[in-house]
Amino acid sequence: MPILIASVVIVTTAAGAFTQRVSGLGFSLIAAPSLALALGPRDGIALTNLLAMVVAIAVFAPSVRHVDAAKAVVLIPAGLIGVVPGTIVFGLLPASGLLVAVGAVTGLGLAAVTAIRRLRAAPRVPATAAAGLASGFTTALGGAGGPALTIYAIATEWPQPQFAATGQINYAVQAAAALALKGNPRVCLAWLTGTFAAALVGLACGHLLARRVQTTRARHAAIAIAAVATTATVIYGVLS
């Protein structure tokens, strides 16, 4: 069983890094549930934050020229504010409740991203700030800040290159803030090395195949994988 669990974690970590490199979204949605199940919700989410920061920086580097500075100056401070209550709730919930919360965060985010294709909103400062706050809160609580920004991007018709680039710096800052408040994950060197290596492999494959894989297909694959992991997390949290 430990080998099977480790294999699932390695595969989902690599798959998450791959989809984030290709589409700008997916790492935390895919990796957070499996890491929470394998390592426990507290250390699993903390490790997700650490890996998400590394993945986001790696994806951000080649796309820096596409950053939407006007939105970044609103999203980043709002996200940092959102991290604070997210971390407080993270610390208050028991382990089983936290597993359910992780599943709920990713599950509701997936459902919203899938369902609101027709929603439209003006990209005004209040909407941008609300997206940043929600993203920061869910990053700290469940490791996944992508759904809030994806919903915002769909509603405001934010171009994919700007969304992908600006989202990465937002994710990285939020993950760093969440780690600063929670502390580093208490995991053994084997888990740390294995997951970092898997993330790097996923990033490398994504870099090589980015021009051959359609963004929409990569995003749909990320949603499907994350849905399975989310369901398992919620069931385990409820039963425990």
Protein backbone atom coordinates (compact mmCIF):
# COMPACT_ATOMS: atom_id res chain seq x y z
CA MET A 1 0.00 0.00 0.00
CA PRO A 2 2.75 2.55 0.77
CA ILE A 3 4.26 1.90 -2.68
CA LEU A 4 0.86 2.35 -4.31
CA ILE A 5 0.23 5.59 -2.40
CA ALA A 6 3.69 6.91 -3.25
CA SER A 7 3.14 6.04 -6.92
CA VAL A 8 -0.19 7.88 -7.01
CA VAL A 9 1.37 10.95 -5.38
CA ILE A 10 4.31 10.98 -7.79
CA VAL A 11 2.05 10.60 -10.83
CA THR A 12 -0.41 13.29 -9.72
CA THR A 13 2.41 15.68 -8.83
CA ALA A 14 3.98 15.25 -12.26
CA ALA A 15 0.59 15.51 -14.00
CA GLY A 16 -0.25 18.68 -12.08
CA ALA A 17 3.04 20.32 -12.99
CA PHE A 18 2.55 19.32 -16.63
CA THR A 19 -0.94 20.80 -16.89
CA GLN A 20 0.10 23.99 -15.12
CA ARG A 21 2.98 24.46 -17.58
CA VAL A 22 0.68 23.90 -20.54
CA SER A 23 -2.48 25.72 -19.41
CA GLY A 24 -1.48 27.90 -16.43
CA LEU A 25 -3.73 25.90 -14.09
CA GLY A 26 -3.85 22.47 -12.52
CA PHE A 27 -0.99 21.74 -10.16
CA SER A 28 -2.68 22.30 -6.81
CA LEU A 29 -6.05 20.98 -8.00
CA ILE A 30 -4.47 17.66 -8.91
CA ALA A 31 -1.71 17.38 -6.30
CA ALA A 32 -3.37 18.75 -3.15
CA PRO A 33 -5.93 15.96 -2.57
CA SER A 34 -3.44 13.12 -3.05
CA LEU A 35 -0.77 14.80 -0.89
CA ALA A 36 -3.35 15.46 1.83
CA LEU A 37 -4.40 11.81 1.80
CA ALA A 38 -0.85 10.47 1.77
CA LEU A 39 0.79 12.77 4.33
CA GLY A 40 -2.16 14.01 6.36
CA PRO A 41 -3.98 17.23 5.58
CA ARG A 42 -1.68 19.63 7.44
CA ASP A 43 1.66 18.47 6.10
CA GLY A 44 0.11 17.54 2.74
CA ILE A 45 -1.28 21.03 2.15
CA ALA A 46 1.91 22.67 3.42
CA LEU A 47 3.92 20.56 0.96
CA THR A 48 1.44 21.49 -1.77
CA ASN A 49 2.07 25.17 -1.00
CA LEU A 50 5.83 24.62 -1.19
CA LEU A 51 5.68 22.73 -4.48
CA ALA A 52 3.11 25.13 -5.93
CA MET A 53 5.46 28.03 -5.26
CA VAL A 54 8.28 26.28 -7.13
CA VAL A 55 6.05 25.25 -10.04
CA ALA A 56 4.52 28.72 -10.35
CA ILE A 57 7.92 30.41 -10.45
CA ALA A 58 9.12 27.94 -13.10
CA VAL A 59 6.03 28.56 -15.26
CA PHE A 60 6.21 32.31 -14.70
CA ALA A 61 9.82 32.68 -15.86
CA PRO A 62 9.25 32.16 -19.62
CA SER A 63 5.96 34.09 -19.63
CA VAL A 64 6.96 37.19 -17.66
CA ARG A 65 6.45 39.46 -20.68
CA HIS A 66 2.70 38.69 -20.61
CA VAL A 67 2.10 39.85 -17.04
CA ASP A 68 -0.92 42.13 -16.66
CA ALA A 69 0.55 44.67 -14.23
CA ALA A 70 -2.72 46.53 -13.68
CA LYS A 71 -4.42 43.39 -12.41
CA ALA A 72 -1.36 42.10 -10.54
CA VAL A 73 -1.18 45.18 -8.29
CA VAL A 74 -4.73 44.41 -7.13
CA LEU A 75 -4.66 40.60 -7.10
CA ILE A 76 -1.44 40.16 -5.13
CA PRO A 77 -2.26 42.38 -2.09
CA ALA A 78 -5.83 41.02 -2.00
CA GLY A 79 -4.48 37.47 -2.14
CA LEU A 80 -2.13 38.14 0.77
CA ILE A 81 -5.06 39.41 2.84
CA GLY A 82 -7.07 36.30 1.94
CA VAL A 83 -4.27 34.01 3.10
CA VAL A 84 -4.69 35.19 6.72
CA PRO A 85 -8.26 33.94 7.38
CA GLY A 86 -7.53 30.84 5.29
CA THR A 87 -4.59 30.01 7.56
CA ILE A 88 -6.69 30.62 10.69
CA VAL A 89 -9.39 28.20 9.51
CA PHE A 90 -6.67 25.74 8.49
CA GLY A 91 -5.34 25.76 12.04
CA LEU A 92 -8.75 25.45 13.72
CA LEU A 93 -10.18 22.50 11.78
CA PRO A 94 -9.50 18.93 12.96
CA ALA A 95 -7.72 16.59 10.55
CA SER A 96 -10.91 14.92 9.26
CA GLY A 97 -12.62 18.29 8.82
CA LEU A 98 -9.59 19.62 7.01
CA LEU A 99 -9.68 16.70 4.56
CA VAL A 100 -13.31 17.47 3.82
CA ALA A 101 -12.41 21.15 3.44
CA VAL A 102 -9.62 20.30 0.98
CA GLY A 103 -12.05 18.23 -1.06
CA ALA A 104 -14.73 20.92 -0.85
CA VAL A 105 -12.34 23.66 -1.96
CA THR A 106 -11.18 21.74 -5.00
CA GLY A 107 -14.58 20.18 -5.73
CA LEU A 108 -16.55 23.40 -5.58
CA GLY A 109 -13.84 25.15 -7.58
CA LEU A 110 -13.99 22.48 -10.28
CA ALA A 111 -17.79 22.64 -10.38
CA ALA A 112 -17.77 26.42 -10.67
CA VAL A 113 -15.10 26.47 -13.39
CA THR A 114 -17.08 23.87 -15.35
CA ALA A 115 -20.53 25.42 -14.88
CA ILE A 116 -20.17 29.17 -15.35
CA ARG A 117 -18.93 29.41 -18.89
CA ARG A 118 -21.64 31.98 -19.69
CA LEU A 119 -20.99 34.27 -16.71
CA ARG A 120 -19.74 37.71 -17.73
CA ALA A 121 -18.47 40.54 -15.53
CA ALA A 122 -16.54 43.76 -15.98
CA PRO A 123 -12.88 43.55 -14.89
CA ARG A 124 -13.29 46.30 -12.31
CA VAL A 125 -11.15 46.64 -9.19
CA PRO A 126 -13.76 45.18 -6.74
CA ALA A 127 -14.15 42.04 -8.86
CA THR A 128 -10.38 41.68 -9.22
CA ALA A 129 -9.87 42.14 -5.48
CA ALA A 130 -12.61 39.60 -4.69
CA ALA A 131 -10.91 37.05 -6.95
CA GLY A 132 -7.58 37.68 -5.20
CA LEU A 133 -9.14 37.35 -1.73
CA ALA A 134 -10.87 34.09 -2.62
CA SER A 135 -7.72 32.71 -4.23
CA GLY A 136 -5.61 33.55 -1.19
CA PHE A 137 -8.15 32.02 1.20
CA THR A 138 -8.37 28.72 -0.70
CA THR A 139 -4.60 28.58 -1.21
CA ALA A 140 -4.05 28.68 2.55
CA LEU A 141 -6.96 26.39 3.43
CA GLY A 142 -6.84 23.76 0.71
CA GLY A 143 -3.70 24.44 -1.31
CA ALA A 144 -5.64 25.40 -4.46
CA GLY A 145 -5.99 29.05 -5.44
CA GLY A 146 -6.57 28.49 -9.14
CA PRO A 147 -10.38 28.10 -9.36
CA ALA A 148 -11.15 31.63 -8.13
CA LEU A 149 -8.82 33.20 -10.67
CA THR A 150 -10.07 30.90 -13.43
CA ILE A 151 -13.68 31.92 -12.74
CA TYR A 152 -12.60 35.56 -12.84
CA ALA A 153 -10.68 35.01 -16.08
CA ILE A 154 -13.68 33.36 -17.74
CA ALA A 155 -16.14 36.00 -16.54
CA THR A 156 -13.98 38.95 -17.62
CA GLU A 157 -12.69 37.25 -20.79
CA TRP A 158 -9.12 37.71 -19.63
CA PRO A 159 -6.78 36.59 -22.44
CA GLN A 160 -5.08 33.27 -21.72
CA PRO A 161 -1.43 34.50 -21.96
CA GLN A 162 -2.05 37.33 -19.47
CA PHE A 163 -4.08 35.08 -17.16
CA ALA A 164 -1.43 32.34 -17.17
CA ALA A 165 1.50 34.70 -16.51
CA THR A 166 -0.21 36.89 -13.90
CA GLY A 167 -1.74 33.91 -12.17
CA GLN A 168 1.67 32.31 -11.60
CA ILE A 169 3.13 35.22 -9.69
CA ASN A 170 -0.09 35.42 -7.71
CA TYR A 171 0.05 31.71 -6.80
CA ALA A 172 3.72 31.93 -5.85
CA VAL A 173 3.25 34.90 -3.51
CA GLN A 174 0.19 33.36 -1.87
CA ALA A 175 1.90 30.00 -1.36
CA ALA A 176 4.96 31.71 0.15
CA ALA A 177 2.75 33.69 2.54
CA ALA A 178 0.81 30.58 3.55
CA LEU A 179 4.05 28.73 4.27
CA ALA A 180 5.39 31.65 6.30
CA LEU A 181 2.30 31.52 8.51
CA LYS A 182 2.02 27.72 8.76
CA GLY A 183 5.66 26.70 8.84
CA ASN A 184 7.40 24.23 6.55
CA PRO A 185 5.89 20.77 6.02
CA ARG A 186 7.21 18.06 8.33
CA VAL A 187 7.92 15.36 5.79
CA CYS A 188 10.82 12.99 5.33
CA LEU A 189 13.55 13.62 2.78
CA ALA A 190 12.28 10.81 0.53
CA TRP A 191 8.86 12.45 0.13
CA LEU A 192 10.42 15.87 -0.39
CA THR A 193 12.91 14.63 -2.98
CA GLY A 194 10.39 12.43 -4.78
CA THR A 195 7.71 15.08 -5.15
CA PHE A 196 10.20 17.76 -6.22
CA ALA A 197 11.64 15.40 -8.83
CA ALA A 198 8.13 14.55 -10.08
CA ALA A 199 7.25 18.23 -10.36
CA LEU A 200 10.42 18.92 -12.33
CA VAL A 201 9.70 16.03 -14.71
CA GLY A 202 6.17 17.30 -15.26
CA LEU A 203 7.45 20.82 -15.93
CA ALA A 204 10.06 19.55 -18.38
CA CYS A 205 7.51 17.46 -20.28
CA GLY A 206 5.11 20.39 -20.34
CA HIS A 207 7.81 22.66 -21.71
CA LEU A 208 8.66 20.21 -24.48
CA LEU A 209 5.03 19.52 -25.44
CA ALA A 210 3.43 22.91 -24.75
CA ARG A 211 3.03 23.76 -28.45
CA ARG A 212 1.58 20.34 -29.28
CA VAL A 213 -1.06 20.17 -26.55
CA GLN A 214 -4.17 22.32 -26.74
CA THR A 215 -4.75 24.45 -23.66
CA THR A 216 -8.41 23.45 -23.41
CA ARG A 217 -7.61 19.75 -23.55
CA ALA A 218 -4.97 20.09 -20.86
CA ARG A 219 -7.42 22.00 -18.67
CA HIS A 220 -10.14 19.38 -19.18
CA ALA A 221 -7.70 16.61 -18.28
CA ALA A 222 -6.69 18.50 -15.14
CA ILE A 223 -10.35 18.86 -14.13
CA ALA A 224 -11.04 15.15 -14.68
CA ILE A 225 -8.03 13.99 -12.66
CA ALA A 226 -8.72 16.49 -9.90
CA ALA A 227 -12.36 15.37 -9.69
CA VAL A 228 -11.31 11.79 -8.92
CA ALA A 229 -8.78 12.89 -6.30
CA THR A 230 -11.28 15.30 -4.74
CA THR A 231 -13.95 12.61 -4.42
CA ALA A 232 -11.54 10.25 -2.69
CA THR A 233 -10.45 12.97 -0.28
CA VAL A 234 -14.00 13.91 0.73
CA ILE A 235 -15.03 10.27 1.23
CA TYR A 236 -11.97 9.53 3.35
CA GLY A 237 -12.48 12.70 5.41
CA VAL A 238 -16.14 11.87 6.08
CA LEU A 239 -15.43 8.24 6.99
CA SER A 240 -12.57 9.21 9.31
